[in-house]
Amino acid sequence: MYIADKNGRQYRIPTEEETKRIREGIAADPDTHELTDEEMAELRPLSAMKRPPGRPKAEATKERVAIRLSPEVTAYFRATGKGWQTRIDAVLREYVASR
């Protein structure tokens, strides 16, 4: 059986037999177990958290823009790894400060 979310994505619901095999697999694994109702009740809902998970808010928010850069520039910065867009921003801020 399939169900759809509000965005139209389809999710397959396991059959009773598949659910039984999944539960048997969980029971056979010494490193895990299904949560009891009491354990589930101890979990904090997202609304109870002070801040939702994810990236923390920046001190100064940035403006989203589309910019066309040469392939050499993007290849160079991408090769430096994660945070390459932040490094481009730092180079541009340095340029602006020098003017």
N, C-alpha and C. Protein backbone atom coordinates (compact mmCIF):
# COMPACT_ATOMS: atom_id res chain seq x y z
N MET A 1 0.85 -1.17 0.00
CA MET A 1 0.00 0.00 0.00
C MET A 1 0.90 1.24 0.00
N TYR A 2 0.43 2.27 -0.67
CA TYR A 2 1.15 3.53 -0.73
C TYR A 2 0.28 4.65 -0.15
N ILE A 3 0.94 5.62 0.48
CA ILE A 3 0.25 6.82 0.93
C ILE A 3 1.02 8.00 0.37
N ALA A 4 0.36 9.15 0.26
CA ALA A 4 1.00 10.35 -0.26
C ALA A 4 1.00 11.42 0.82
N ASP A 5 2.09 12.20 0.87
CA ASP A 5 2.12 13.32 1.79
C ASP A 5 1.51 14.54 1.12
N LYS A 6 1.51 15.68 1.83
CA LYS A 6 0.86 16.87 1.30
C LYS A 6 1.55 17.41 0.05
N ASN A 7 2.80 16.98 -0.21
CA ASN A 7 3.51 17.41 -1.40
C ASN A 7 3.39 16.42 -2.55
N GLY A 8 2.64 15.35 -2.32
CA GLY A 8 2.41 14.38 -3.37
C GLY A 8 3.44 13.26 -3.43
N ARG A 9 4.44 13.26 -2.51
CA ARG A 9 5.42 12.18 -2.50
C ARG A 9 4.74 10.89 -2.04
N GLN A 10 5.10 9.80 -2.67
CA GLN A 10 4.51 8.50 -2.37
C GLN A 10 5.40 7.73 -1.40
N TYR A 11 4.79 7.11 -0.40
CA TYR A 11 5.51 6.29 0.56
C TYR A 11 4.85 4.92 0.61
N ARG A 12 5.69 3.89 0.56
CA ARG A 12 5.19 2.52 0.61
C ARG A 12 5.08 2.08 2.06
N ILE A 13 3.92 1.58 2.43
CA ILE A 13 3.68 1.08 3.78
C ILE A 13 3.94 -0.43 3.76
N PRO A 14 4.76 -0.94 4.70
CA PRO A 14 5.04 -2.38 4.69
C PRO A 14 3.79 -3.21 5.00
N THR A 15 3.78 -4.40 4.44
CA THR A 15 2.68 -5.33 4.71
C THR A 15 2.81 -5.86 6.13
N GLU A 16 1.77 -6.56 6.60
CA GLU A 16 1.81 -7.16 7.94
C GLU A 16 2.99 -8.13 8.05
N GLU A 17 3.23 -8.93 7.00
CA GLU A 17 4.33 -9.90 7.00
C GLU A 17 5.68 -9.18 7.06
N GLU A 18 5.83 -8.10 6.30
CA GLU A 18 7.08 -7.33 6.33
C GLU A 18 7.29 -6.70 7.71
N THR A 19 6.22 -6.18 8.29
CA THR A 19 6.31 -5.58 9.62
C THR A 19 6.74 -6.64 10.64
N LYS A 20 6.20 -7.84 10.52
CA LYS A 20 6.56 -8.94 11.42
C LYS A 20 8.04 -9.27 11.29
N ARG A 21 8.56 -9.35 10.06
CA ARG A 21 9.97 -9.66 9.84
C ARG A 21 10.86 -8.53 10.38
N ILE A 22 10.43 -7.29 10.21
CA ILE A 22 11.20 -6.16 10.73
C ILE A 22 11.29 -6.25 12.25
N ARG A 23 10.16 -6.51 12.90
CA ARG A 23 10.15 -6.62 14.37
C ARG A 23 11.00 -7.80 14.86
N GLU A 24 10.98 -8.90 14.11
CA GLU A 24 11.81 -10.05 14.47
C GLU A 24 13.29 -9.68 14.35
N GLY A 25 13.63 -8.91 13.33
CA GLY A 25 15.01 -8.46 13.15
C GLY A 25 15.45 -7.56 14.28
N ILE A 26 14.57 -6.68 14.71
CA ILE A 26 14.88 -5.79 15.84
C ILE A 26 15.09 -6.62 17.10
N ALA A 27 14.20 -7.59 17.33
CA ALA A 27 14.30 -8.42 18.54
C ALA A 27 15.58 -9.26 18.52
N ALA A 28 16.04 -9.66 17.35
CA ALA A 28 17.24 -10.50 17.25
C ALA A 28 18.53 -9.69 17.40
N ASP A 29 18.46 -8.38 17.26
CA ASP A 29 19.65 -7.53 17.34
C ASP A 29 19.89 -7.14 18.80
N PRO A 30 21.01 -7.57 19.39
CA PRO A 30 21.26 -7.26 20.81
C PRO A 30 21.57 -5.78 21.06
N ASP A 31 21.85 -5.03 20.01
CA ASP A 31 22.23 -3.63 20.19
C ASP A 31 21.05 -2.66 20.09
N THR A 32 19.84 -3.17 19.89
CA THR A 32 18.70 -2.26 19.75
C THR A 32 17.42 -2.92 20.27
N HIS A 33 16.40 -2.11 20.42
CA HIS A 33 15.09 -2.61 20.80
C HIS A 33 14.04 -1.59 20.38
N GLU A 34 12.81 -2.05 20.27
CA GLU A 34 11.72 -1.12 19.98
C GLU A 34 11.44 -0.32 21.24
N LEU A 35 11.14 0.95 21.07
CA LEU A 35 10.84 1.79 22.23
C LEU A 35 9.49 1.41 22.82
N THR A 36 9.44 1.40 24.15
CA THR A 36 8.17 1.15 24.83
C THR A 36 7.34 2.44 24.82
N ASP A 37 6.09 2.34 25.20
CA ASP A 37 5.24 3.53 25.28
C ASP A 37 5.83 4.54 26.27
N GLU A 38 6.41 4.04 27.38
CA GLU A 38 7.01 4.94 28.37
C GLU A 38 8.21 5.67 27.78
N GLU A 39 9.05 4.94 27.03
CA GLU A 39 10.21 5.57 26.41
C GLU A 39 9.79 6.61 25.36
N MET A 40 8.74 6.28 24.61
CA MET A 40 8.24 7.22 23.61
C MET A 40 7.72 8.49 24.28
N ALA A 41 7.08 8.35 25.44
CA ALA A 41 6.54 9.50 26.16
C ALA A 41 7.65 10.42 26.67
N GLU A 42 8.84 9.86 26.91
CA GLU A 42 9.95 10.66 27.40
C GLU A 42 10.59 11.52 26.31
N LEU A 43 10.36 11.17 25.05
CA LEU A 43 10.96 11.92 23.95
C LEU A 43 10.33 13.31 23.87
N ARG A 44 11.15 14.31 23.61
CA ARG A 44 10.66 15.67 23.50
C ARG A 44 10.15 15.95 22.09
N PRO A 45 8.95 16.47 21.96
CA PRO A 45 8.50 16.87 20.63
C PRO A 45 9.27 18.11 20.19
N LEU A 46 9.32 18.33 18.89
CA LEU A 46 10.05 19.47 18.34
C LEU A 46 9.56 20.78 18.93
N SER A 47 8.26 20.91 19.18
CA SER A 47 7.71 22.15 19.71
C SER A 47 8.22 22.46 21.11
N ALA A 48 8.69 21.44 21.84
CA ALA A 48 9.18 21.66 23.19
C ALA A 48 10.64 22.12 23.20
N MET A 49 11.29 22.03 22.07
CA MET A 49 12.69 22.43 22.00
C MET A 49 12.77 23.95 21.91
N LYS A 50 13.84 24.52 22.47
CA LYS A 50 14.02 25.96 22.43
C LYS A 50 14.25 26.45 21.01
N ARG A 51 14.98 25.69 20.23
CA ARG A 51 15.30 26.08 18.87
C ARG A 51 15.20 24.83 17.99
N PRO A 52 14.64 24.95 16.81
CA PRO A 52 14.57 23.76 15.95
C PRO A 52 15.98 23.32 15.54
N PRO A 53 16.13 22.03 15.23
CA PRO A 53 17.45 21.55 14.84
C PRO A 53 17.88 22.17 13.51
N GLY A 54 19.15 22.12 13.26
CA GLY A 54 19.66 22.67 12.02
C GLY A 54 20.71 23.72 12.27
N ARG A 55 20.99 24.45 11.24
CA ARG A 55 22.04 25.47 11.29
C ARG A 55 21.62 26.62 12.21
N PRO A 56 22.53 27.07 13.09
CA PRO A 56 22.19 28.21 13.94
C PRO A 56 22.07 29.50 13.12
N LYS A 57 21.27 30.41 13.60
CA LYS A 57 21.09 31.69 12.90
C LYS A 57 22.38 32.49 12.96
N ALA A 58 22.73 33.11 11.84
CA ALA A 58 23.93 33.93 11.77
C ALA A 58 23.68 35.26 12.45
N GLU A 59 24.76 35.88 12.94
CA GLU A 59 24.64 37.20 13.56
C GLU A 59 24.11 38.21 12.55
N ALA A 60 24.66 38.18 11.35
CA ALA A 60 24.20 39.06 10.28
C ALA A 60 23.71 38.18 9.14
N THR A 61 22.45 38.33 8.78
CA THR A 61 21.91 37.51 7.71
C THR A 61 22.45 37.99 6.37
N LYS A 62 22.56 37.06 5.45
CA LYS A 62 23.07 37.37 4.13
C LYS A 62 21.92 37.44 3.15
N GLU A 63 22.14 38.14 2.08
CA GLU A 63 21.14 38.28 1.04
C GLU A 63 21.38 37.22 -0.03
N ARG A 64 20.33 36.53 -0.42
CA ARG A 64 20.45 35.52 -1.47
C ARG A 64 20.38 36.22 -2.82
N VAL A 65 21.42 35.99 -3.65
CA VAL A 65 21.46 36.58 -4.99
C VAL A 65 21.94 35.52 -5.97
N ALA A 66 21.65 35.74 -7.22
CA ALA A 66 22.19 34.88 -8.28
C ALA A 66 23.33 35.65 -8.93
N ILE A 67 24.46 35.01 -9.08
CA ILE A 67 25.63 35.66 -9.67
C ILE A 67 26.28 34.69 -10.63
N ARG A 68 26.75 35.19 -11.73
CA ARG A 68 27.41 34.35 -12.73
C ARG A 68 28.91 34.55 -12.58
N LEU A 69 29.62 33.45 -12.29
CA LEU A 69 31.06 33.49 -12.12
C LEU A 69 31.71 32.59 -13.17
N SER A 70 32.95 32.88 -13.48
CA SER A 70 33.66 32.06 -14.47
C SER A 70 33.90 30.66 -13.90
N PRO A 71 33.95 29.66 -14.78
CA PRO A 71 34.18 28.29 -14.32
C PRO A 71 35.49 28.13 -13.53
N GLU A 72 36.51 28.91 -13.90
CA GLU A 72 37.78 28.81 -13.20
C GLU A 72 37.64 29.25 -11.75
N VAL A 73 36.86 30.31 -11.53
CA VAL A 73 36.67 30.81 -10.16
C VAL A 73 35.90 29.79 -9.33
N THR A 74 34.80 29.30 -9.86
CA THR A 74 34.01 28.34 -9.07
C THR A 74 34.79 27.04 -8.86
N ALA A 75 35.53 26.59 -9.85
CA ALA A 75 36.33 25.36 -9.69
C ALA A 75 37.37 25.54 -8.60
N TYR A 76 38.03 26.70 -8.58
CA TYR A 76 39.05 26.97 -7.57
C TYR A 76 38.43 26.92 -6.17
N PHE A 77 37.33 27.65 -5.97
CA PHE A 77 36.75 27.71 -4.63
C PHE A 77 36.10 26.39 -4.22
N ARG A 78 35.46 25.71 -5.16
CA ARG A 78 34.87 24.41 -4.82
C ARG A 78 35.93 23.41 -4.40
N ALA A 79 37.09 23.50 -5.03
CA ALA A 79 38.19 22.57 -4.70
C ALA A 79 38.69 22.77 -3.28
N THR A 80 38.38 23.92 -2.68
CA THR A 80 38.83 24.17 -1.30
C THR A 80 37.93 23.49 -0.27
N GLY A 81 36.85 22.88 -0.72
CA GLY A 81 35.99 22.12 0.18
C GLY A 81 34.77 22.88 0.67
N LYS A 82 34.16 22.30 1.70
CA LYS A 82 32.95 22.88 2.28
C LYS A 82 33.18 24.32 2.70
N GLY A 83 32.17 25.15 2.49
CA GLY A 83 32.28 26.55 2.87
C GLY A 83 32.86 27.43 1.78
N TRP A 84 32.92 26.90 0.56
CA TRP A 84 33.54 27.66 -0.53
C TRP A 84 32.79 28.94 -0.84
N GLN A 85 31.48 28.94 -0.70
CA GLN A 85 30.71 30.17 -0.96
C GLN A 85 31.02 31.23 0.10
N THR A 86 31.21 30.80 1.33
CA THR A 86 31.57 31.72 2.41
C THR A 86 32.94 32.33 2.12
N ARG A 87 33.86 31.53 1.58
CA ARG A 87 35.18 32.06 1.25
C ARG A 87 35.09 33.08 0.10
N ILE A 88 34.23 32.84 -0.88
CA ILE A 88 34.03 33.84 -1.94
C ILE A 88 33.50 35.13 -1.32
N ASP A 89 32.56 35.01 -0.39
CA ASP A 89 32.02 36.19 0.28
C ASP A 89 33.13 36.95 1.02
N ALA A 90 34.03 36.22 1.68
CA ALA A 90 35.12 36.86 2.42
C ALA A 90 36.05 37.62 1.47
N VAL A 91 36.34 37.03 0.31
CA VAL A 91 37.20 37.69 -0.67
C VAL A 91 36.52 38.97 -1.16
N LEU A 92 35.23 38.90 -1.44
CA LEU A 92 34.51 40.09 -1.92
C LEU A 92 34.42 41.16 -0.83
N ARG A 93 34.20 40.76 0.43
CA ARG A 93 34.17 41.74 1.53
C ARG A 93 35.52 42.43 1.68
N GLU A 94 36.60 41.66 1.55
CA GLU A 94 37.94 42.22 1.63
C GLU A 94 38.17 43.24 0.51
N TYR A 95 37.68 42.90 -0.69
CA TYR A 95 37.81 43.82 -1.82
C TYR A 95 37.05 45.12 -1.54
N VAL A 96 35.83 45.01 -1.04
CA VAL A 96 35.02 46.18 -0.74
C VAL A 96 35.68 47.03 0.34
N ALA A 97 36.23 46.40 1.36
CA ALA A 97 36.88 47.13 2.45
C ALA A 97 38.12 47.88 1.96
N SER A 98 38.78 47.36 0.94
CA SER A 98 40.00 48.01 0.45
C SER A 98 39.70 49.21 -0.46
N ARG A 99 38.46 49.42 -0.80
CA ARG A 99 38.07 50.52 -1.71
C ARG A 99 37.65 51.74 -0.94
